[in-house]
Amino acid sequence: MPLRSLSRPRSLLSATSHSQLLGSLLLALGLSIPFDTATAARSPEQIYQGVCARCHEEGIAPSIKGFPAALIQWKVRNSVGAMPRFPLTDIDDKTLGELGTYVQNLKPTPASASEGEHK
């Protein structure tokens, strides 16, 4: 009698599980996106380019240009899919608010505009 694998069949993994797995894999490979203690001294543009753009401009995650500031702030504070959570110890509320406003004011590219309206 052949031995069966004890792992769960692929079909039982939800889309959320796949996203969480991807996020865990990225973190394990050292592709995490650390905020440093100098975040508050950096401009929203510098934070976006140095942290957010690493996924949201490289096709790893969808574009967030033009998203409402409140949605950006919520997603940063709460882990969503493969998106890592950035707690208050990583980015303070004032800086996060400024980052949200910066992202909201970015002009969506044609590809990100076709992903759906977020306003």
N, C-alpha and C. Protein backbone atom coordinates (compact mmCIF):
# COMPACT_ATOMS: atom_id res chain seq x y z
N MET A 1 0.84 -1.17 0.00
CA MET A 1 0.00 0.00 0.00
C MET A 1 0.90 1.24 0.00
N PRO A 2 0.72 2.18 -0.95
CA PRO A 2 1.56 3.36 -1.02
C PRO A 2 1.29 4.30 0.16
N LEU A 3 2.32 5.01 0.59
CA LEU A 3 2.17 5.98 1.66
C LEU A 3 1.55 7.24 1.10
N ARG A 4 0.65 7.83 1.86
CA ARG A 4 0.01 9.08 1.44
C ARG A 4 0.70 10.26 2.10
N SER A 5 0.70 11.34 1.43
CA SER A 5 1.26 12.56 1.99
C SER A 5 0.36 13.04 3.12
N LEU A 6 0.95 13.55 4.17
CA LEU A 6 0.18 14.07 5.29
C LEU A 6 -0.14 15.55 5.13
N SER A 7 0.37 16.16 4.09
CA SER A 7 0.08 17.58 3.88
C SER A 7 -1.32 17.74 3.30
N ARG A 8 -1.87 18.95 3.48
CA ARG A 8 -3.19 19.22 2.95
C ARG A 8 -3.14 19.28 1.43
N PRO A 9 -4.17 18.78 0.78
CA PRO A 9 -4.21 18.90 -0.69
C PRO A 9 -4.27 20.37 -1.09
N ARG A 10 -3.69 20.70 -2.21
CA ARG A 10 -3.67 22.08 -2.69
C ARG A 10 -5.06 22.68 -2.79
N SER A 11 -6.02 21.88 -3.17
CA SER A 11 -7.36 22.41 -3.37
C SER A 11 -7.99 22.91 -2.09
N LEU A 12 -7.48 22.50 -0.94
CA LEU A 12 -8.04 22.93 0.33
C LEU A 12 -7.45 24.26 0.80
N LEU A 13 -6.40 24.74 0.15
CA LEU A 13 -5.81 26.02 0.52
C LEU A 13 -6.65 27.13 -0.08
N SER A 14 -7.05 28.05 0.75
CA SER A 14 -7.86 29.17 0.26
C SER A 14 -6.94 30.22 -0.37
N ALA A 15 -7.55 31.18 -1.04
CA ALA A 15 -6.78 32.28 -1.61
C ALA A 15 -6.06 33.04 -0.51
N THR A 16 -6.72 33.17 0.64
CA THR A 16 -6.10 33.85 1.78
C THR A 16 -4.86 33.10 2.22
N SER A 17 -4.96 31.77 2.28
CA SER A 17 -3.81 30.97 2.67
C SER A 17 -2.65 31.17 1.70
N HIS A 18 -2.96 31.24 0.42
CA HIS A 18 -1.91 31.47 -0.57
C HIS A 18 -1.26 32.83 -0.35
N SER A 19 -2.07 33.86 -0.08
CA SER A 19 -1.52 35.19 0.17
C SER A 19 -0.66 35.21 1.42
N GLN A 20 -1.16 34.56 2.48
CA GLN A 20 -0.38 34.51 3.71
C GLN A 20 0.91 33.73 3.50
N LEU A 21 0.84 32.67 2.73
CA LEU A 21 2.02 31.88 2.44
C LEU A 21 3.04 32.71 1.67
N LEU A 22 2.58 33.47 0.69
CA LEU A 22 3.46 34.33 -0.08
C LEU A 22 4.12 35.37 0.82
N GLY A 23 3.33 35.99 1.69
CA GLY A 23 3.89 36.97 2.62
C GLY A 23 4.93 36.35 3.53
N SER A 24 4.64 35.16 4.04
CA SER A 24 5.59 34.46 4.91
C SER A 24 6.86 34.11 4.15
N LEU A 25 6.70 33.69 2.91
CA LEU A 25 7.85 33.34 2.09
C LEU A 25 8.73 34.56 1.84
N LEU A 26 8.10 35.69 1.50
CA LEU A 26 8.86 36.92 1.27
C LEU A 26 9.63 37.32 2.52
N LEU A 27 8.97 37.21 3.67
CA LEU A 27 9.64 37.56 4.92
C LEU A 27 10.79 36.60 5.21
N ALA A 28 10.58 35.31 4.96
CA ALA A 28 11.61 34.31 5.21
C ALA A 28 12.82 34.52 4.30
N LEU A 29 12.58 35.01 3.11
CA LEU A 29 13.66 35.23 2.16
C LEU A 29 14.38 36.56 2.38
N GLY A 30 13.95 37.26 3.41
CA GLY A 30 14.61 38.53 3.70
C GLY A 30 14.11 39.66 2.83
N LEU A 31 12.94 39.49 2.24
CA LEU A 31 12.39 40.55 1.40
C LEU A 31 11.38 41.39 2.17
N SER A 32 11.50 41.34 3.48
CA SER A 32 10.60 42.16 4.28
C SER A 32 10.91 43.62 4.03
N ILE A 33 10.00 44.46 4.41
CA ILE A 33 10.13 45.87 4.11
C ILE A 33 10.19 46.62 5.44
N PRO A 34 11.36 46.70 6.03
CA PRO A 34 11.43 47.32 7.35
C PRO A 34 11.34 48.84 7.30
N PHE A 35 10.56 49.38 8.23
CA PHE A 35 10.59 50.81 8.47
C PHE A 35 11.68 50.99 9.52
N ASP A 36 12.50 52.01 9.38
CA ASP A 36 13.51 52.23 10.40
C ASP A 36 13.06 53.33 11.35
N THR A 37 13.84 53.55 12.38
CA THR A 37 13.46 54.54 13.38
C THR A 37 13.50 55.95 12.83
N ALA A 38 14.09 56.16 11.67
CA ALA A 38 14.15 57.50 11.07
C ALA A 38 12.98 57.77 10.15
N THR A 39 11.97 56.91 10.13
CA THR A 39 10.83 57.08 9.23
C THR A 39 10.20 58.46 9.39
N ALA A 40 10.03 58.90 10.62
CA ALA A 40 9.37 60.19 10.86
C ALA A 40 10.15 61.34 10.24
N ALA A 41 11.45 61.19 10.05
CA ALA A 41 12.28 62.25 9.49
C ALA A 41 12.29 62.21 7.96
N ARG A 42 11.64 61.21 7.38
CA ARG A 42 11.63 61.07 5.93
C ARG A 42 10.32 61.61 5.37
N SER A 43 10.38 62.10 4.15
CA SER A 43 9.17 62.63 3.52
C SER A 43 8.27 61.46 3.11
N PRO A 44 6.96 61.72 2.92
CA PRO A 44 6.07 60.67 2.44
C PRO A 44 6.54 60.08 1.11
N GLU A 45 7.08 60.93 0.22
CA GLU A 45 7.58 60.43 -1.06
C GLU A 45 8.75 59.46 -0.85
N GLN A 46 9.65 59.80 0.06
CA GLN A 46 10.79 58.93 0.34
C GLN A 46 10.33 57.60 0.94
N ILE A 47 9.34 57.65 1.83
CA ILE A 47 8.82 56.42 2.42
C ILE A 47 8.16 55.57 1.35
N TYR A 48 7.33 56.20 0.52
CA TYR A 48 6.65 55.45 -0.55
C TYR A 48 7.68 54.79 -1.47
N GLN A 49 8.67 55.56 -1.92
CA GLN A 49 9.66 55.01 -2.84
C GLN A 49 10.53 53.95 -2.18
N GLY A 50 10.86 54.13 -0.92
CA GLY A 50 11.75 53.20 -0.24
C GLY A 50 11.07 51.97 0.33
N VAL A 51 9.77 52.04 0.57
CA VAL A 51 9.07 50.92 1.21
C VAL A 51 7.94 50.40 0.32
N CYS A 52 6.96 51.23 0.07
CA CYS A 52 5.74 50.80 -0.64
C CYS A 52 6.02 50.38 -2.08
N ALA A 53 6.81 51.19 -2.79
CA ALA A 53 7.06 50.94 -4.21
C ALA A 53 7.75 49.61 -4.47
N ARG A 54 8.43 49.08 -3.45
CA ARG A 54 9.14 47.81 -3.63
C ARG A 54 8.17 46.70 -4.06
N CYS A 55 6.94 46.79 -3.65
CA CYS A 55 5.94 45.80 -4.10
C CYS A 55 4.91 46.43 -5.04
N HIS A 56 4.42 47.63 -4.67
CA HIS A 56 3.30 48.23 -5.40
C HIS A 56 3.70 48.87 -6.72
N GLU A 57 4.97 48.98 -7.01
CA GLU A 57 5.43 49.51 -8.29
C GLU A 57 6.14 48.44 -9.12
N GLU A 58 6.38 47.29 -8.53
CA GLU A 58 7.14 46.24 -9.21
C GLU A 58 6.28 45.05 -9.65
N GLY A 59 4.97 45.18 -9.52
CA GLY A 59 4.07 44.11 -9.96
C GLY A 59 3.89 42.98 -8.96
N ILE A 60 4.49 43.10 -7.78
CA ILE A 60 4.29 42.08 -6.74
C ILE A 60 2.91 42.25 -6.11
N ALA A 61 2.51 43.49 -5.94
CA ALA A 61 1.20 43.84 -5.38
C ALA A 61 0.57 44.88 -6.30
N PRO A 62 -0.76 45.00 -6.25
CA PRO A 62 -1.41 45.97 -7.14
C PRO A 62 -1.03 47.40 -6.79
N SER A 63 -1.15 48.26 -7.78
CA SER A 63 -0.88 49.68 -7.57
C SER A 63 -1.88 50.24 -6.56
N ILE A 64 -1.41 51.14 -5.71
CA ILE A 64 -2.29 51.78 -4.73
C ILE A 64 -2.41 53.28 -4.99
N LYS A 65 -1.87 53.73 -6.10
CA LYS A 65 -1.94 55.15 -6.44
C LYS A 65 -3.39 55.59 -6.52
N GLY A 66 -3.69 56.69 -5.82
CA GLY A 66 -5.03 57.26 -5.85
C GLY A 66 -5.99 56.63 -4.85
N PHE A 67 -5.57 55.63 -4.10
CA PHE A 67 -6.44 55.03 -3.09
C PHE A 67 -6.72 56.06 -1.99
N PRO A 68 -7.89 56.01 -1.37
CA PRO A 68 -8.19 56.95 -0.27
C PRO A 68 -7.18 56.80 0.88
N ALA A 69 -6.81 57.92 1.46
CA ALA A 69 -5.82 57.93 2.54
C ALA A 69 -6.24 57.02 3.70
N ALA A 70 -7.51 57.04 4.06
CA ALA A 70 -7.98 56.21 5.18
C ALA A 70 -7.81 54.72 4.88
N LEU A 71 -8.01 54.33 3.64
CA LEU A 71 -7.83 52.92 3.25
C LEU A 71 -6.36 52.53 3.33
N ILE A 72 -5.49 53.40 2.88
CA ILE A 72 -4.05 53.14 2.96
C ILE A 72 -3.64 52.97 4.42
N GLN A 73 -4.10 53.86 5.27
CA GLN A 73 -3.75 53.80 6.69
C GLN A 73 -4.26 52.51 7.31
N TRP A 74 -5.47 52.11 6.99
CA TRP A 74 -6.03 50.88 7.55
C TRP A 74 -5.23 49.66 7.09
N LYS A 75 -4.91 49.61 5.79
CA LYS A 75 -4.18 48.45 5.26
C LYS A 75 -2.77 48.36 5.85
N VAL A 76 -2.14 49.50 6.12
CA VAL A 76 -0.80 49.49 6.70
C VAL A 76 -0.85 48.95 8.13
N ARG A 77 -1.87 49.31 8.87
CA ARG A 77 -1.99 48.88 10.27
C ARG A 77 -2.50 47.45 10.42
N ASN A 78 -3.22 46.95 9.44
CA ASN A 78 -3.82 45.62 9.50
C ASN A 78 -3.28 44.77 8.36
N SER A 79 -2.79 43.62 8.67
CA SER A 79 -2.28 42.72 7.65
C SER A 79 -3.42 42.29 6.73
N VAL A 80 -3.24 42.49 5.44
CA VAL A 80 -4.25 42.12 4.45
C VAL A 80 -3.57 41.25 3.40
N GLY A 81 -3.96 39.98 3.32
CA GLY A 81 -3.33 39.07 2.37
C GLY A 81 -1.85 38.97 2.63
N ALA A 82 -1.04 39.21 1.61
CA ALA A 82 0.41 39.15 1.76
C ALA A 82 1.00 40.46 2.27
N MET A 83 0.17 41.48 2.37
CA MET A 83 0.63 42.79 2.86
C MET A 83 1.04 42.66 4.32
N PRO A 84 2.27 43.00 4.63
CA PRO A 84 2.69 42.93 6.03
C PRO A 84 2.05 44.04 6.85
N ARG A 85 1.92 43.82 8.13
CA ARG A 85 1.38 44.81 9.06
C ARG A 85 2.52 45.68 9.56
N PHE A 86 2.30 47.00 9.59
CA PHE A 86 3.29 47.92 10.12
C PHE A 86 2.70 48.60 11.35
N PRO A 87 3.11 48.17 12.54
CA PRO A 87 2.55 48.74 13.77
C PRO A 87 3.08 50.14 14.06
N LEU A 88 2.53 50.75 15.09
CA LEU A 88 2.90 52.09 15.50
C LEU A 88 4.39 52.21 15.79
N THR A 89 5.01 51.13 16.21
CA THR A 89 6.45 51.15 16.47
C THR A 89 7.27 51.27 15.18
N ASP A 90 6.66 50.95 14.03
CA ASP A 90 7.35 51.06 12.74
C ASP A 90 7.10 52.40 12.06
N ILE A 91 5.87 52.91 12.17
CA ILE A 91 5.52 54.18 11.56
C ILE A 91 4.44 54.84 12.43
N ASP A 92 4.71 56.05 12.87
CA ASP A 92 3.76 56.72 13.77
C ASP A 92 2.53 57.20 12.99
N ASP A 93 1.46 57.52 13.72
CA ASP A 93 0.20 57.89 13.09
C ASP A 93 0.31 59.15 12.23
N LYS A 94 1.08 60.14 12.69
CA LYS A 94 1.22 61.38 11.92
C LYS A 94 1.89 61.09 10.57
N THR A 95 2.98 60.33 10.61
CA THR A 95 3.70 60.00 9.38
C THR A 95 2.84 59.13 8.46
N LEU A 96 2.10 58.20 9.05
CA LEU A 96 1.22 57.34 8.26
C LEU A 96 0.11 58.17 7.61
N GLY A 97 -0.42 59.14 8.32
CA GLY A 97 -1.43 60.03 7.74
C GLY A 97 -0.88 60.80 6.55
N GLU A 98 0.34 61.29 6.69
CA GLU A 98 0.98 62.01 5.59
C GLU A 98 1.25 61.09 4.40
N LEU A 99 1.65 59.86 4.70
CA LEU A 99 1.88 58.88 3.63
C LEU A 99 0.57 58.56 2.91
N GLY A 100 -0.51 58.38 3.68
CA GLY A 100 -1.82 58.11 3.08
C GLY A 100 -2.27 59.23 2.14
N THR A 101 -2.08 60.45 2.59
CA THR A 101 -2.44 61.61 1.75
C THR A 101 -1.58 61.66 0.49
N TYR A 102 -0.30 61.37 0.64
CA TYR A 102 0.60 61.36 -0.52
C TYR A 102 0.14 60.33 -1.55
N VAL A 103 -0.16 59.11 -1.08
CA VAL A 103 -0.59 58.04 -2.00
C VAL A 103 -1.92 58.40 -2.65
N GLN A 104 -2.84 58.97 -1.88
CA GLN A 104 -4.15 59.37 -2.41
C GLN A 104 -3.98 60.39 -3.53
N ASN A 105 -3.00 61.26 -3.42
CA ASN A 105 -2.79 62.31 -4.42
C ASN A 105 -1.98 61.86 -5.63
N LEU A 106 -1.45 60.64 -5.59
CA LEU A 106 -0.73 60.12 -6.76
C LEU A 106 -1.72 59.84 -7.88
N LYS A 107 -1.35 60.14 -9.09
CA LYS A 107 -2.21 59.87 -10.24
C LYS A 107 -2.12 58.39 -10.59
N PRO A 108 -3.27 57.70 -10.61
CA PRO A 108 -3.24 56.28 -11.00
C PRO A 108 -2.75 56.13 -12.43
N THR A 109 -1.98 55.09 -12.68
CA THR A 109 -1.54 54.77 -14.04
C THR A 109 -2.71 54.06 -14.72
N PRO A 110 -2.72 53.99 -16.05
CA PRO A 110 -3.82 53.31 -16.73
C PRO A 110 -4.07 51.89 -16.21
N ALA A 111 -3.01 51.14 -15.90
CA ALA A 111 -3.18 49.78 -15.38
C ALA A 111 -3.84 49.78 -14.02
N SER A 112 -3.45 50.71 -13.13
CA SER A 112 -4.05 50.75 -11.80
C SER A 112 -5.45 51.31 -11.85
N ALA A 113 -5.74 52.20 -12.80
CA ALA A 113 -7.09 52.75 -12.93
C ALA A 113 -8.06 51.67 -13.36
N SER A 114 -7.61 50.72 -14.15
CA SER A 114 -8.50 49.66 -14.63
C SER A 114 -8.75 48.59 -13.57
N GLU A 115 -8.01 48.64 -12.46
CA GLU A 115 -8.21 47.65 -11.40
C GLU A 115 -9.47 47.94 -10.60
N GLY A 116 -10.08 49.07 -10.80
CA GLY A 116 -11.31 49.37 -10.11
C GLY A 116 -11.25 50.74 -9.45
N GLU A 117 -12.41 51.32 -9.26
CA GLU A 117 -12.48 52.61 -8.62
C GLU A 117 -12.42 52.44 -7.12
N HIS A 118 -11.64 53.28 -6.45
CA HIS A 118 -11.46 53.17 -5.01
C HIS A 118 -11.85 54.46 -4.30
N LYS A 119 -12.48 55.37 -4.99
CA LYS A 119 -12.85 56.64 -4.38
C LYS A 119 -14.34 56.71 -4.21
